[in-house]
Amino acid sequence: MWNVDELISGVDRLVRVVSGVASASRPNPAVKIPDVQLDDAERRRSAGLMRVNHVGEVCAQALYDAQGAFAKNDELRRQFRQAGREEEDHLAWTAQRLQELGSRVSLLNPFWYAGAYALGAVAARIGDAHSLGFVVETERQVEAHLASHLTLLPASDGKSRAIVEQMRVDEIEHGAAAQSMGAAATPVPVQAAMRAMARVMTTTAYYI
């Protein structure tokens, strides 16, 4: 059971995540890269893609929050919370880049968070091995999604590309860590459902 302090901390964290207010523990990988003048179409494309990436990080926070809360052993709980803290860097970096592009985070962030939290809670309730397997499959799909963004972002937008590349590297590491802890394979129908849900999220978040 959570005590009052933990509840307050959790609510504060939720508000910060969905509003795009986050603190990074590592320097932004784009900090030393000069910003260039993008035309209107390029700026809209970069902003849409980075908004999608920010939503992905909102969902990552929700998943790790839920899986950490419902994990059945302390080691796994610590692993999920540590991964969540590392993912918060991505949340901060993408929010900062959206501001630089003169754009905003998704208006549907509370919805994305709630849906992802529910999925994480279900995965954790099934069992630790399946919960870890869900992380492995999630990170695999996210890594592929980020790799595609490296081809879709304007070639001149070095700042966004640097952020996405570091995110991609981190997601690979998180998936490998979950795999090493005894992840069970995620059933193929579940993988397909995850991809379908991701398509809905990315298509919507690009604009809203």
N, C-alpha and C. Protein backbone atom coordinates (compact mmCIF):
# COMPACT_ATOMS: atom_id res chain seq x y z
N MET A 1 0.83 -1.21 0.00
CA MET A 1 0.00 0.00 0.00
C MET A 1 0.87 1.26 0.00
N TRP A 2 0.47 2.24 -0.76
CA TRP A 2 1.20 3.51 -0.76
C TRP A 2 0.82 4.31 0.47
N ASN A 3 1.79 5.04 1.02
CA ASN A 3 1.45 5.98 2.08
C ASN A 3 1.11 7.33 1.44
N VAL A 4 0.75 8.30 2.28
CA VAL A 4 0.32 9.61 1.75
C VAL A 4 1.43 10.28 0.96
N ASP A 5 2.67 10.22 1.45
CA ASP A 5 3.79 10.85 0.74
C ASP A 5 3.98 10.24 -0.64
N GLU A 6 3.88 8.91 -0.73
CA GLU A 6 4.04 8.24 -2.01
C GLU A 6 2.91 8.62 -2.97
N LEU A 7 1.70 8.75 -2.42
CA LEU A 7 0.56 9.14 -3.26
C LEU A 7 0.75 10.54 -3.82
N ILE A 8 1.16 11.47 -2.97
CA ILE A 8 1.40 12.84 -3.41
C ILE A 8 2.50 12.88 -4.46
N SER A 9 3.57 12.12 -4.21
CA SER A 9 4.68 12.06 -5.16
C SER A 9 4.22 11.49 -6.50
N GLY A 10 3.37 10.45 -6.43
CA GLY A 10 2.87 9.85 -7.66
C GLY A 10 2.01 10.80 -8.47
N VAL A 11 1.14 11.55 -7.79
CA VAL A 11 0.28 12.51 -8.48
C VAL A 11 1.11 13.63 -9.10
N ASP A 12 2.11 14.10 -8.35
CA ASP A 12 2.99 15.15 -8.87
C ASP A 12 3.72 14.66 -10.12
N ARG A 13 4.18 13.42 -10.06
CA ARG A 13 4.89 12.85 -11.20
C ARG A 13 3.95 12.74 -12.41
N LEU A 14 2.74 12.28 -12.18
CA LEU A 14 1.77 12.15 -13.26
C LEU A 14 1.52 13.50 -13.93
N VAL A 15 1.32 14.54 -13.14
CA VAL A 15 1.06 15.87 -13.69
C VAL A 15 2.25 16.35 -14.52
N ARG A 16 3.45 16.13 -14.01
CA ARG A 16 4.64 16.56 -14.75
C ARG A 16 4.79 15.81 -16.06
N VAL A 17 4.52 14.52 -16.04
CA VAL A 17 4.68 13.70 -17.24
C VAL A 17 3.71 14.14 -18.34
N VAL A 18 2.43 14.25 -18.01
CA VAL A 18 1.43 14.55 -19.05
C VAL A 18 1.50 16.00 -19.53
N SER A 19 2.06 16.89 -18.69
CA SER A 19 2.15 18.30 -19.09
C SER A 19 3.44 18.64 -19.83
N GLY A 20 4.35 17.67 -19.90
CA GLY A 20 5.60 17.92 -20.61
C GLY A 20 6.66 18.57 -19.77
N VAL A 21 6.50 18.57 -18.44
CA VAL A 21 7.49 19.14 -17.53
C VAL A 21 8.29 17.99 -16.93
N ALA A 22 9.55 17.88 -17.30
CA ALA A 22 10.38 16.79 -16.80
C ALA A 22 11.81 17.29 -16.64
N SER A 23 12.55 16.61 -15.79
CA SER A 23 13.95 16.98 -15.55
C SER A 23 14.85 15.87 -16.06
N ALA A 24 15.85 16.23 -16.82
CA ALA A 24 16.80 15.25 -17.34
C ALA A 24 17.99 15.12 -16.40
N SER A 25 18.48 13.91 -16.25
CA SER A 25 19.67 13.66 -15.43
C SER A 25 20.94 13.68 -16.27
N ARG A 26 20.76 13.64 -17.60
CA ARG A 26 21.89 13.69 -18.53
C ARG A 26 21.77 14.90 -19.43
N PRO A 27 22.89 15.40 -19.94
CA PRO A 27 22.81 16.53 -20.89
C PRO A 27 22.02 16.15 -22.14
N ASN A 28 21.31 17.10 -22.67
CA ASN A 28 20.60 16.89 -23.93
C ASN A 28 21.63 16.63 -25.03
N PRO A 29 21.51 15.52 -25.78
CA PRO A 29 22.49 15.19 -26.81
C PRO A 29 22.56 16.22 -27.94
N ALA A 30 21.56 17.09 -28.01
CA ALA A 30 21.54 18.11 -29.06
C ALA A 30 22.08 19.45 -28.61
N VAL A 31 22.55 19.53 -27.36
CA VAL A 31 22.88 20.83 -26.79
C VAL A 31 23.98 21.56 -27.56
N LYS A 32 24.93 20.84 -28.13
CA LYS A 32 26.04 21.48 -28.83
C LYS A 32 25.84 21.54 -30.34
N ILE A 33 24.69 21.11 -30.80
CA ILE A 33 24.42 21.12 -32.23
C ILE A 33 23.69 22.41 -32.59
N PRO A 34 24.22 23.17 -33.53
CA PRO A 34 23.56 24.44 -33.88
C PRO A 34 22.21 24.20 -34.52
N ASP A 35 21.25 25.05 -34.16
CA ASP A 35 19.93 24.98 -34.78
C ASP A 35 20.02 25.65 -36.15
N VAL A 36 19.28 25.11 -37.09
CA VAL A 36 19.27 25.67 -38.44
C VAL A 36 17.87 26.16 -38.76
N GLN A 37 17.78 27.00 -39.75
CA GLN A 37 16.49 27.52 -40.18
C GLN A 37 15.76 26.47 -41.01
N LEU A 38 14.64 26.00 -40.50
CA LEU A 38 13.83 25.05 -41.25
C LEU A 38 12.69 25.80 -41.92
N ASP A 39 12.30 25.35 -43.11
CA ASP A 39 11.13 25.98 -43.72
C ASP A 39 9.88 25.48 -43.01
N ASP A 40 8.74 26.05 -43.34
CA ASP A 40 7.51 25.74 -42.60
C ASP A 40 7.16 24.25 -42.66
N ALA A 41 7.31 23.66 -43.83
CA ALA A 41 6.97 22.24 -43.98
C ALA A 41 7.91 21.37 -43.15
N GLU A 42 9.20 21.69 -43.18
CA GLU A 42 10.17 20.93 -42.39
C GLU A 42 9.92 21.08 -40.90
N ARG A 43 9.59 22.29 -40.48
CA ARG A 43 9.33 22.52 -39.06
C ARG A 43 8.09 21.74 -38.60
N ARG A 44 7.05 21.74 -39.43
CA ARG A 44 5.84 20.97 -39.07
C ARG A 44 6.15 19.48 -39.00
N ARG A 45 6.96 19.00 -39.93
CA ARG A 45 7.29 17.58 -39.92
C ARG A 45 8.10 17.21 -38.68
N SER A 46 9.11 18.01 -38.38
CA SER A 46 9.91 17.74 -37.18
C SER A 46 9.06 17.80 -35.92
N ALA A 47 8.21 18.81 -35.83
CA ALA A 47 7.36 18.96 -34.65
C ALA A 47 6.41 17.78 -34.51
N GLY A 48 5.81 17.36 -35.60
CA GLY A 48 4.90 16.21 -35.54
C GLY A 48 5.60 14.96 -35.08
N LEU A 49 6.78 14.70 -35.63
CA LEU A 49 7.53 13.50 -35.26
C LEU A 49 8.02 13.57 -33.82
N MET A 50 8.46 14.72 -33.38
CA MET A 50 8.93 14.83 -32.00
C MET A 50 7.77 14.78 -31.01
N ARG A 51 6.60 15.22 -31.42
CA ARG A 51 5.41 15.08 -30.56
C ARG A 51 5.06 13.59 -30.41
N VAL A 52 5.16 12.86 -31.49
CA VAL A 52 4.94 11.41 -31.41
C VAL A 52 5.96 10.77 -30.46
N ASN A 53 7.21 11.21 -30.56
CA ASN A 53 8.24 10.65 -29.69
C ASN A 53 8.00 11.02 -28.23
N HIS A 54 7.51 12.23 -28.01
CA HIS A 54 7.19 12.62 -26.63
C HIS A 54 6.06 11.76 -26.08
N VAL A 55 5.04 11.50 -26.89
CA VAL A 55 3.94 10.63 -26.46
C VAL A 55 4.47 9.24 -26.14
N GLY A 56 5.40 8.76 -26.95
CA GLY A 56 6.00 7.46 -26.66
C GLY A 56 6.65 7.43 -25.29
N GLU A 57 7.26 8.53 -24.91
CA GLU A 57 7.90 8.60 -23.59
C GLU A 57 6.89 8.74 -22.47
N VAL A 58 5.77 9.42 -22.73
CA VAL A 58 4.68 9.45 -21.75
C VAL A 58 4.19 8.03 -21.49
N CYS A 59 4.02 7.26 -22.57
CA CYS A 59 3.59 5.87 -22.43
C CYS A 59 4.64 5.03 -21.71
N ALA A 60 5.91 5.29 -21.98
CA ALA A 60 6.98 4.55 -21.31
C ALA A 60 6.95 4.81 -19.81
N GLN A 61 6.73 6.07 -19.43
CA GLN A 61 6.64 6.39 -18.01
C GLN A 61 5.49 5.64 -17.37
N ALA A 62 4.35 5.61 -18.05
CA ALA A 62 3.17 4.92 -17.51
C ALA A 62 3.42 3.43 -17.37
N LEU A 63 4.02 2.83 -18.40
CA LEU A 63 4.30 1.40 -18.36
C LEU A 63 5.22 1.05 -17.20
N TYR A 64 6.31 1.80 -17.08
CA TYR A 64 7.27 1.49 -16.01
C TYR A 64 6.69 1.80 -14.64
N ASP A 65 5.87 2.84 -14.52
CA ASP A 65 5.21 3.15 -13.25
C ASP A 65 4.32 1.98 -12.83
N ALA A 66 3.51 1.48 -13.78
CA ALA A 66 2.59 0.39 -13.47
C ALA A 66 3.34 -0.90 -13.19
N GLN A 67 4.32 -1.23 -14.00
CA GLN A 67 5.03 -2.48 -13.82
C GLN A 67 5.86 -2.46 -12.54
N GLY A 68 6.40 -1.29 -12.20
CA GLY A 68 7.12 -1.18 -10.94
C GLY A 68 6.19 -1.32 -9.75
N ALA A 69 4.99 -0.76 -9.87
CA ALA A 69 4.03 -0.82 -8.76
C ALA A 69 3.52 -2.23 -8.52
N PHE A 70 3.37 -3.01 -9.58
CA PHE A 70 2.74 -4.33 -9.45
C PHE A 70 3.73 -5.49 -9.61
N ALA A 71 5.01 -5.20 -9.74
CA ALA A 71 6.02 -6.27 -9.83
C ALA A 71 5.99 -7.11 -8.55
N LYS A 72 6.32 -8.39 -8.70
CA LYS A 72 6.20 -9.31 -7.58
C LYS A 72 7.48 -9.49 -6.78
N ASN A 73 8.58 -8.88 -7.22
CA ASN A 73 9.80 -8.95 -6.40
C ASN A 73 10.52 -7.60 -6.42
N ASP A 74 11.28 -7.37 -5.38
CA ASP A 74 11.91 -6.06 -5.18
C ASP A 74 12.94 -5.73 -6.25
N GLU A 75 13.71 -6.74 -6.70
CA GLU A 75 14.73 -6.48 -7.72
C GLU A 75 14.11 -5.98 -9.00
N LEU A 76 13.03 -6.62 -9.40
CA LEU A 76 12.35 -6.21 -10.64
C LEU A 76 11.73 -4.84 -10.47
N ARG A 77 11.18 -4.59 -9.29
CA ARG A 77 10.58 -3.28 -9.01
C ARG A 77 11.63 -2.18 -9.14
N ARG A 78 12.81 -2.43 -8.61
CA ARG A 78 13.90 -1.45 -8.71
C ARG A 78 14.32 -1.25 -10.16
N GLN A 79 14.35 -2.35 -10.94
CA GLN A 79 14.75 -2.26 -12.35
C GLN A 79 13.78 -1.39 -13.13
N PHE A 80 12.49 -1.59 -12.91
CA PHE A 80 11.49 -0.79 -13.62
C PHE A 80 11.58 0.68 -13.24
N ARG A 81 11.79 0.95 -11.98
CA ARG A 81 11.87 2.34 -11.55
C ARG A 81 13.13 3.02 -12.07
N GLN A 82 14.24 2.27 -12.13
CA GLN A 82 15.46 2.83 -12.69
C GLN A 82 15.30 3.13 -14.17
N ALA A 83 14.69 2.19 -14.90
CA ALA A 83 14.46 2.41 -16.34
C ALA A 83 13.55 3.61 -16.55
N GLY A 84 12.55 3.76 -15.69
CA GLY A 84 11.65 4.90 -15.80
C GLY A 84 12.38 6.22 -15.61
N ARG A 85 13.31 6.24 -14.66
CA ARG A 85 14.09 7.47 -14.43
C ARG A 85 14.94 7.80 -15.65
N GLU A 86 15.52 6.76 -16.28
CA GLU A 86 16.33 7.00 -17.47
C GLU A 86 15.47 7.48 -18.63
N GLU A 87 14.26 6.92 -18.74
CA GLU A 87 13.36 7.33 -19.81
C GLU A 87 12.91 8.78 -19.63
N GLU A 88 12.95 9.28 -18.38
CA GLU A 88 12.53 10.66 -18.15
C GLU A 88 13.45 11.64 -18.86
N ASP A 89 14.70 11.24 -19.11
CA ASP A 89 15.58 12.08 -19.91
C ASP A 89 14.97 12.32 -21.29
N HIS A 90 14.46 11.24 -21.88
CA HIS A 90 13.85 11.35 -23.21
C HIS A 90 12.65 12.28 -23.18
N LEU A 91 11.88 12.18 -22.11
CA LEU A 91 10.70 13.03 -21.96
C LEU A 91 11.10 14.50 -21.95
N ALA A 92 12.16 14.81 -21.19
CA ALA A 92 12.63 16.20 -21.11
C ALA A 92 13.22 16.67 -22.44
N TRP A 93 14.00 15.82 -23.08
CA TRP A 93 14.65 16.22 -24.33
C TRP A 93 13.62 16.49 -25.43
N THR A 94 12.63 15.61 -25.57
CA THR A 94 11.64 15.80 -26.62
C THR A 94 10.76 17.02 -26.34
N ALA A 95 10.42 17.25 -25.07
CA ALA A 95 9.63 18.44 -24.72
C ALA A 95 10.40 19.71 -25.04
N GLN A 96 11.69 19.72 -24.74
CA GLN A 96 12.52 20.89 -25.03
C GLN A 96 12.59 21.14 -26.53
N ARG A 97 12.73 20.07 -27.29
CA ARG A 97 12.82 20.25 -28.74
C ARG A 97 11.51 20.76 -29.32
N LEU A 98 10.39 20.30 -28.78
CA LEU A 98 9.10 20.81 -29.25
C LEU A 98 8.99 22.31 -29.00
N GLN A 99 9.45 22.76 -27.85
CA GLN A 99 9.44 24.20 -27.55
C GLN A 99 10.30 24.96 -28.55
N GLU A 100 11.47 24.42 -28.85
CA GLU A 100 12.38 25.08 -29.79
C GLU A 100 11.75 25.16 -31.18
N LEU A 101 10.92 24.17 -31.51
CA LEU A 101 10.27 24.16 -32.82
C LEU A 101 8.98 24.99 -32.83
N GLY A 102 8.68 25.62 -31.70
CA GLY A 102 7.49 26.44 -31.61
C GLY A 102 6.22 25.62 -31.57
N SER A 103 6.30 24.40 -31.03
CA SER A 103 5.15 23.53 -31.00
C SER A 103 4.83 23.12 -29.57
N ARG A 104 4.01 22.08 -29.39
CA ARG A 104 3.51 21.70 -28.07
C ARG A 104 3.45 20.18 -27.97
N VAL A 105 3.25 19.72 -26.74
CA VAL A 105 3.06 18.28 -26.52
C VAL A 105 1.63 17.91 -26.91
N SER A 106 1.36 16.62 -26.97
CA SER A 106 0.03 16.15 -27.37
C SER A 106 -1.03 16.56 -26.35
N LEU A 107 -2.19 16.99 -26.85
CA LEU A 107 -3.30 17.34 -25.98
C LEU A 107 -3.94 16.10 -25.34
N LEU A 108 -3.61 14.94 -25.87
CA LEU A 108 -4.20 13.68 -25.39
C LEU A 108 -3.29 12.93 -24.42
N ASN A 109 -2.26 13.60 -23.91
CA ASN A 109 -1.32 12.90 -23.02
C ASN A 109 -1.98 12.20 -21.83
N PRO A 110 -2.99 12.79 -21.17
CA PRO A 110 -3.63 12.05 -20.07
C PRO A 110 -4.23 10.72 -20.54
N PHE A 111 -4.82 10.72 -21.73
CA PHE A 111 -5.39 9.50 -22.30
C PHE A 111 -4.29 8.48 -22.59
N TRP A 112 -3.19 8.92 -23.21
CA TRP A 112 -2.10 8.00 -23.53
C TRP A 112 -1.53 7.39 -22.25
N TYR A 113 -1.36 8.23 -21.23
CA TYR A 113 -0.80 7.73 -19.97
C TYR A 113 -1.72 6.69 -19.34
N ALA A 114 -3.00 6.99 -19.28
CA ALA A 114 -3.96 6.07 -18.65
C ALA A 114 -3.99 4.72 -19.37
N GLY A 115 -4.02 4.75 -20.69
CA GLY A 115 -4.05 3.50 -21.46
C GLY A 115 -2.80 2.67 -21.26
N ALA A 116 -1.64 3.33 -21.28
CA ALA A 116 -0.38 2.61 -21.11
C ALA A 116 -0.25 2.06 -19.69
N TYR A 117 -0.72 2.82 -18.72
CA TYR A 117 -0.66 2.35 -17.33
C TYR A 117 -1.51 1.08 -17.16
N ALA A 118 -2.68 1.08 -17.77
CA ALA A 118 -3.53 -0.11 -17.68
C ALA A 118 -2.85 -1.33 -18.31
N LEU A 119 -2.21 -1.14 -19.45
CA LEU A 119 -1.51 -2.24 -20.10
C LEU A 119 -0.36 -2.75 -19.23
N GLY A 120 0.40 -1.82 -18.64
CA GLY A 120 1.50 -2.22 -17.78
C GLY A 120 1.03 -2.98 -16.56
N ALA A 121 -0.09 -2.55 -15.99
CA ALA A 121 -0.63 -3.22 -14.81
C ALA A 121 -1.08 -4.64 -15.15
N VAL A 122 -1.72 -4.81 -16.31
CA VAL A 122 -2.16 -6.14 -16.74
C VAL A 122 -0.95 -7.05 -16.95
N ALA A 123 0.08 -6.53 -17.64
CA ALA A 123 1.28 -7.33 -17.88
C ALA A 123 1.93 -7.76 -16.58
N ALA A 124 2.00 -6.86 -15.62
CA ALA A 124 2.62 -7.18 -14.34
C ALA A 124 1.81 -8.21 -13.57
N ARG A 125 0.49 -8.13 -13.66
CA ARG A 125 -0.38 -9.07 -12.94
C ARG A 125 -0.25 -10.48 -13.50
N ILE A 126 0.03 -10.60 -14.78
CA ILE A 126 0.19 -11.93 -15.40
C ILE A 126 1.40 -12.65 -14.82
N GLY A 127 2.46 -11.89 -14.52
CA GLY A 127 3.66 -12.50 -13.95
C GLY A 127 4.90 -11.76 -14.39
N ASP A 128 5.96 -11.86 -13.58
CA ASP A 128 7.16 -11.09 -13.85
C ASP A 128 7.80 -11.42 -15.19
N ALA A 129 7.87 -12.70 -15.55
CA ALA A 129 8.52 -13.08 -16.81
C ALA A 129 7.76 -12.49 -18.00
N HIS A 130 6.44 -12.53 -17.95
CA HIS A 130 5.65 -11.96 -19.04
C HIS A 130 5.71 -10.44 -19.04
N SER A 131 5.82 -9.85 -17.85
CA SER A 131 5.97 -8.41 -17.75
C SER A 131 7.27 -7.96 -18.40
N LEU A 132 8.34 -8.71 -18.13
CA LEU A 132 9.63 -8.41 -18.76
C LEU A 132 9.57 -8.63 -20.27
N GLY A 133 8.85 -9.67 -20.68
CA GLY A 133 8.70 -9.93 -22.11
C GLY A 133 7.97 -8.79 -22.80
N PHE A 134 6.99 -8.21 -22.11
CA PHE A 134 6.26 -7.07 -22.64
C PHE A 134 7.21 -5.89 -22.84
N VAL A 135 8.13 -5.70 -21.90
CA VAL A 135 9.13 -4.63 -22.03
C VAL A 135 10.02 -4.88 -23.24
N VAL A 136 10.48 -6.12 -23.38
CA VAL A 136 11.37 -6.46 -24.51
C VAL A 136 10.68 -6.15 -25.84
N GLU A 137 9.43 -6.59 -25.98
CA GLU A 137 8.72 -6.37 -27.24
C GLU A 137 8.42 -4.88 -27.45
N THR A 138 8.05 -4.18 -26.36
CA THR A 138 7.80 -2.74 -26.47
C THR A 138 9.05 -2.02 -26.95
N GLU A 139 10.19 -2.32 -26.32
CA GLU A 139 11.42 -1.63 -26.68
C GLU A 139 11.86 -1.99 -28.10
N ARG A 140 11.60 -3.22 -28.53
CA ARG A 140 11.94 -3.60 -29.90
C ARG A 140 11.14 -2.79 -30.90
N GLN A 141 9.84 -2.65 -30.64
CA GLN A 141 9.00 -1.88 -31.55
C GLN A 141 9.34 -0.38 -31.51
N VAL A 142 9.66 0.12 -30.32
CA VAL A 142 10.02 1.54 -30.21
C VAL A 142 11.32 1.82 -30.94
N GLU A 143 12.28 0.90 -30.80
CA GLU A 143 13.57 1.10 -31.49
C GLU A 143 13.38 1.15 -33.00
N ALA A 144 12.52 0.27 -33.53
CA ALA A 144 12.25 0.28 -34.97
C ALA A 144 11.55 1.58 -35.38
N HIS A 145 10.64 2.03 -34.54
CA HIS A 145 9.92 3.27 -34.79
C HIS A 145 10.89 4.47 -34.81
N LEU A 146 11.83 4.50 -33.87
CA LEU A 146 12.80 5.61 -33.83
C LEU A 146 13.74 5.56 -35.03
N ALA A 147 14.11 4.34 -35.43
CA ALA A 147 14.97 4.20 -36.61
C ALA A 147 14.26 4.76 -37.84
N SER A 148 12.95 4.54 -37.95
CA SER A 148 12.20 5.08 -39.09
C SER A 148 12.16 6.60 -39.05
N HIS A 149 12.11 7.16 -37.85
CA HIS A 149 12.08 8.62 -37.73
C HIS A 149 13.39 9.24 -38.20
N LEU A 150 14.48 8.52 -38.06
CA LEU A 150 15.76 9.04 -38.54
C LEU A 150 15.76 9.19 -40.06
N THR A 151 14.90 8.45 -40.73
CA THR A 151 14.79 8.60 -42.18
C THR A 151 13.73 9.64 -42.55
N LEU A 152 12.80 9.93 -41.63
CA LEU A 152 11.70 10.85 -41.93
C LEU A 152 11.99 12.30 -41.53
N LEU A 153 12.83 12.50 -40.52
CA LEU A 153 13.16 13.85 -40.10
C LEU A 153 13.93 14.58 -41.21
N PRO A 154 13.74 15.88 -41.32
CA PRO A 154 14.53 16.64 -42.31
C PRO A 154 16.02 16.43 -42.09
N ALA A 155 16.73 16.24 -43.17
CA ALA A 155 18.17 15.97 -43.07
C ALA A 155 18.91 17.09 -42.36
N SER A 156 18.41 18.30 -42.46
CA SER A 156 19.10 19.45 -41.85
C SER A 156 18.79 19.61 -40.36
N ASP A 157 17.81 18.87 -39.85
CA ASP A 157 17.42 19.02 -38.45
C ASP A 157 18.30 18.15 -37.56
N GLY A 158 19.53 18.58 -37.40
CA GLY A 158 20.50 17.81 -36.63
C GLY A 158 20.14 17.67 -35.16
N LYS A 159 19.48 18.67 -34.59
CA LYS A 159 19.15 18.62 -33.17
C LYS A 159 18.14 17.51 -32.88
N SER A 160 17.08 17.46 -33.67
CA SER A 160 16.09 16.40 -33.47
C SER A 160 16.69 15.03 -33.74
N ARG A 161 17.52 14.93 -34.76
CA ARG A 161 18.12 13.65 -35.11
C ARG A 161 19.05 13.15 -34.01
N ALA A 162 19.78 14.05 -33.37
CA ALA A 162 20.68 13.64 -32.29
C ALA A 162 19.89 13.09 -31.10
N ILE A 163 18.78 13.72 -30.78
CA ILE A 163 17.93 13.26 -29.68
C ILE A 163 17.36 11.88 -30.00
N VAL A 164 16.83 11.72 -31.19
CA VAL A 164 16.23 10.44 -31.58
C VAL A 164 17.26 9.33 -31.58
N GLU A 165 18.46 9.61 -32.04
CA GLU A 165 19.50 8.57 -32.08
C GLU A 165 19.87 8.12 -30.67
N GLN A 166 20.01 9.05 -29.73
CA GLN A 166 20.35 8.66 -28.37
C GLN A 166 19.19 7.89 -27.73
N MET A 167 17.98 8.29 -28.01
CA MET A 167 16.83 7.54 -27.52
C MET A 167 16.84 6.11 -28.05
N ARG A 168 17.17 5.96 -29.32
CA ARG A 168 17.21 4.62 -29.93
C ARG A 168 18.23 3.73 -29.23
N VAL A 169 19.40 4.28 -28.96
CA VAL A 169 20.45 3.52 -28.27
C VAL A 169 19.98 3.10 -26.87
N ASP A 170 19.34 4.01 -26.16
CA ASP A 170 18.86 3.72 -24.81
C ASP A 170 17.78 2.64 -24.82
N GLU A 171 16.88 2.69 -25.80
CA GLU A 171 15.80 1.70 -25.85
C GLU A 171 16.36 0.30 -26.09
N ILE A 172 17.39 0.21 -26.93
CA ILE A 172 18.03 -1.09 -27.16
C ILE A 172 18.60 -1.64 -25.86
N GLU A 173 19.23 -0.77 -25.07
CA GLU A 173 19.81 -1.19 -23.80
C GLU A 173 18.74 -1.63 -22.80
N HIS A 174 17.62 -0.92 -22.76
CA HIS A 174 16.54 -1.28 -21.84
C HIS A 174 15.94 -2.64 -22.21
N GLY A 175 15.78 -2.87 -23.50
CA GLY A 175 15.26 -4.16 -23.93
C GLY A 175 16.21 -5.30 -23.59
N ALA A 176 17.50 -5.06 -23.79
CA ALA A 176 18.50 -6.09 -23.47
C ALA A 176 18.52 -6.38 -21.97
N ALA A 177 18.37 -5.33 -21.15
CA ALA A 177 18.36 -5.52 -19.70
C ALA A 177 17.18 -6.37 -19.28
N ALA A 178 16.01 -6.10 -19.84
CA ALA A 178 14.82 -6.90 -19.51
C ALA A 178 14.98 -8.34 -19.97
N GLN A 179 15.57 -8.53 -21.15
CA GLN A 179 15.81 -9.88 -21.66
C GLN A 179 16.72 -10.68 -20.73
N SER A 180 17.75 -10.03 -20.21
CA SER A 180 18.72 -10.71 -19.35
C SER A 180 18.14 -11.11 -18.00
N MET A 181 17.01 -10.51 -17.62
CA MET A 181 16.39 -10.80 -16.34
C MET A 181 15.36 -11.93 -16.41
N GLY A 182 15.27 -12.56 -17.58
CA GLY A 182 14.39 -13.73 -17.70
C GLY A 182 13.07 -13.47 -18.37
N ALA A 183 13.06 -12.60 -19.39
CA ALA A 183 11.82 -12.28 -20.08
C ALA A 183 11.27 -13.48 -20.83
N ALA A 184 9.95 -13.65 -20.76
CA ALA A 184 9.27 -14.67 -21.56
C ALA A 184 8.90 -14.07 -22.91
N ALA A 185 8.83 -14.92 -23.93
CA ALA A 185 8.47 -14.45 -25.26
C ALA A 185 7.03 -13.94 -25.27
N THR A 186 6.82 -12.82 -25.94
CA THR A 186 5.47 -12.27 -26.07
C THR A 186 4.76 -12.97 -27.22
N PRO A 187 3.55 -13.49 -27.00
CA PRO A 187 2.83 -14.19 -28.07
C PRO A 187 2.65 -13.32 -29.31
N VAL A 188 2.70 -13.95 -30.48
CA VAL A 188 2.60 -13.22 -31.74
C VAL A 188 1.32 -12.39 -31.84
N PRO A 189 0.15 -12.90 -31.45
CA PRO A 189 -1.06 -12.06 -31.52
C PRO A 189 -0.95 -10.80 -30.66
N VAL A 190 -0.28 -10.91 -29.52
CA VAL A 190 -0.09 -9.74 -28.66
C VAL A 190 0.84 -8.74 -29.34
N GLN A 191 1.89 -9.23 -29.98
CA GLN A 191 2.80 -8.35 -30.72
C GLN A 191 2.04 -7.59 -31.80
N ALA A 192 1.16 -8.29 -32.51
CA ALA A 192 0.39 -7.66 -33.58
C ALA A 192 -0.55 -6.60 -33.01
N ALA A 193 -1.18 -6.91 -31.88
CA ALA A 193 -2.07 -5.94 -31.25
C ALA A 193 -1.31 -4.71 -30.80
N MET A 194 -0.10 -4.90 -30.28
CA MET A 194 0.73 -3.78 -29.85
C MET A 194 1.08 -2.89 -31.04
N ARG A 195 1.40 -3.50 -32.18
CA ARG A 195 1.73 -2.71 -33.37
C ARG A 195 0.52 -1.92 -33.85
N ALA A 196 -0.66 -2.54 -33.80
CA ALA A 196 -1.88 -1.84 -34.23
C ALA A 196 -2.17 -0.65 -33.32
N MET A 197 -2.03 -0.84 -32.02
CA MET A 197 -2.26 0.25 -31.08
C MET A 197 -1.26 1.37 -31.29
N ALA A 198 0.00 0.99 -31.58
CA ALA A 198 1.04 1.99 -31.82
C ALA A 198 0.73 2.82 -33.05
N ARG A 199 0.17 2.20 -34.08
CA ARG A 199 -0.18 2.94 -35.29
C ARG A 199 -1.26 3.99 -35.01
N VAL A 200 -2.24 3.61 -34.21
CA VAL A 200 -3.29 4.57 -33.84
C VAL A 200 -2.68 5.74 -33.08
N MET A 201 -1.82 5.42 -32.12
CA MET A 201 -1.20 6.47 -31.29
C MET A 201 -0.34 7.41 -32.12
N THR A 202 0.52 6.85 -32.96
CA THR A 202 1.45 7.69 -33.71
C THR A 202 0.72 8.56 -34.74
N THR A 203 -0.30 8.00 -35.38
CA THR A 203 -1.06 8.76 -36.37
C THR A 203 -1.80 9.93 -35.71
N THR A 204 -2.40 9.67 -34.55
CA THR A 204 -3.15 10.71 -33.86
C THR A 204 -2.23 11.77 -33.25
N ALA A 205 -1.17 11.30 -32.56
CA ALA A 205 -0.29 12.22 -31.84
C ALA A 205 0.49 13.14 -32.78
N TYR A 206 0.68 12.73 -34.02
CA TYR A 206 1.40 13.58 -34.97
C TYR A 206 0.71 14.95 -35.11
N TYR A 207 -0.63 14.94 -35.02
CA TYR A 207 -1.40 16.16 -35.23
C TYR A 207 -1.97 16.76 -33.93
N ILE A 208 -2.32 15.89 -32.97
CA ILE A 208 -3.06 16.37 -31.80
C ILE A 208 -2.23 16.23 -30.53
